[in-house]
Amino acid sequence: MVYVRACSVLLEMKKRCQYVDWIFYTFACVQGAESRAVMAEEQLAQLQRYIAQASITYQREIMRLRGVVSKLDLSGNAMRSMAAAATGLK
């Protein structure tokens, strides 16, 4: 009878150990997921900062190039007008 009781106790202890192992495994998985989420949030924040800065840089470059194009366009029109006036073709 003692042997049966000892086996029963050992079986119960094994189940509890398995349960504790499962809890630790689950906890480790949750911690891993949380750390990956934190890293993903930081990467997202870095990308958002980069996109905001790049957008400002590109907008400034677009404005600069528009100014260059408008100066070229004005000088091109002025040159055409001067050429037309020189040939008498208005």
Protein backbone atom coordinates (compact mmCIF):
# COMPACT_ATOMS: atom_id res chain seq x y z
CA MET A 1 0.00 0.00 0.00
CA VAL A 2 2.86 2.35 0.81
CA TYR A 3 4.36 1.63 -2.61
CA VAL A 4 1.12 2.60 -4.36
CA ARG A 5 0.90 5.80 -2.33
CA ALA A 6 4.54 6.65 -3.10
CA CYS A 7 3.95 6.10 -6.80
CA SER A 8 0.87 8.30 -6.65
CA VAL A 9 2.82 11.06 -4.91
CA LEU A 10 5.66 10.79 -7.43
CA LEU A 11 3.21 10.96 -10.31
CA GLU A 12 1.58 14.06 -8.82
CA MET A 13 5.01 15.67 -8.32
CA LYS A 14 5.93 14.91 -11.93
CA LYS A 15 2.72 16.59 -13.15
CA ARG A 16 3.45 19.63 -11.00
CA CYS A 17 7.01 19.82 -12.32
CA GLN A 18 5.72 19.64 -15.87
CA TYR A 19 3.25 22.40 -15.06
CA VAL A 20 5.98 24.57 -13.54
CA ASP A 21 8.18 23.91 -16.60
CA TRP A 22 5.30 24.93 -18.83
CA ILE A 23 4.80 28.12 -16.81
CA PHE A 24 8.50 29.01 -17.12
CA TYR A 25 8.44 28.26 -20.84
CA THR A 26 5.34 30.39 -21.33
CA PHE A 27 6.86 33.20 -19.27
CA ALA A 28 10.04 33.06 -21.38
CA CYS A 29 7.95 33.21 -24.56
CA VAL A 30 6.02 36.21 -23.27
CA GLN A 31 9.24 37.96 -22.26
CA GLY A 32 10.71 37.26 -25.69
CA ALA A 33 7.60 38.61 -27.39
CA GLU A 34 7.65 41.73 -25.22
CA SER A 35 11.31 42.40 -25.98
CA ARG A 36 10.66 41.92 -29.72
CA ALA A 37 7.72 44.31 -29.47
CA VAL A 38 9.89 46.93 -27.75
CA MET A 39 12.56 46.56 -30.45
CA ALA A 40 9.92 46.83 -33.19
CA GLU A 41 8.49 49.98 -31.60
CA GLU A 42 11.97 51.54 -31.46
CA GLN A 43 12.61 50.63 -35.09
CA LEU A 44 9.27 52.15 -36.05
CA ALA A 45 10.13 55.36 -34.20
CA GLN A 46 13.51 55.53 -35.96
CA LEU A 47 11.88 55.00 -39.35
CA GLN A 48 9.30 57.69 -38.64
CA ARG A 49 12.07 60.14 -37.69
CA TYR A 50 14.02 59.24 -40.83
CA ILE A 51 10.97 59.65 -43.09
CA ALA A 52 10.12 63.02 -41.52
CA GLN A 53 13.69 64.28 -41.99
CA ALA A 54 13.96 62.87 -45.52
CA SER A 55 10.63 64.46 -46.44
CA ILE A 56 11.84 67.88 -45.28
CA THR A 57 15.12 67.44 -47.17
CA TYR A 58 13.32 66.39 -50.37
CA GLN A 59 10.84 69.28 -50.11
CA ARG A 60 13.72 71.75 -49.77
CA GLU A 61 15.49 70.22 -52.76
CA ILE A 62 12.30 70.38 -54.82
CA MET A 63 11.91 74.06 -53.96
CA ARG A 64 15.56 74.72 -54.84
CA LEU A 65 15.22 72.95 -58.17
CA ARG A 66 11.99 74.79 -58.96
CA GLY A 67 13.89 78.03 -58.44
CA VAL A 68 16.65 76.86 -60.77
CA VAL A 69 14.13 75.82 -63.41
CA SER A 70 12.24 79.11 -63.16
CA LYS A 71 15.50 81.06 -63.54
CA LEU A 72 16.42 78.98 -66.58
CA ASP A 73 12.93 79.41 -67.99
CA LEU A 74 13.06 83.18 -67.51
CA SER A 75 16.50 83.44 -69.02
CA GLY A 76 15.39 81.17 -71.89
CA ASN A 77 12.39 83.41 -72.57
CA ALA A 78 14.58 86.50 -72.33
CA MET A 79 17.07 85.01 -74.76
CA ARG A 80 14.29 84.09 -77.19
CA SER A 81 12.88 87.60 -76.95
CA MET A 82 16.29 89.12 -77.55
CA ALA A 83 16.90 86.78 -80.52
CA ALA A 84 13.48 87.63 -81.97
CA ALA A 85 14.12 91.35 -81.52
CA ALA A 86 17.52 91.06 -83.15
CA THR A 87 16.05 89.34 -86.20
CA GLY A 88 12.98 91.54 -86.21
CA LEU A 89 10.56 88.66 -85.73
CA LYS A 90 8.48 89.43 -82.67
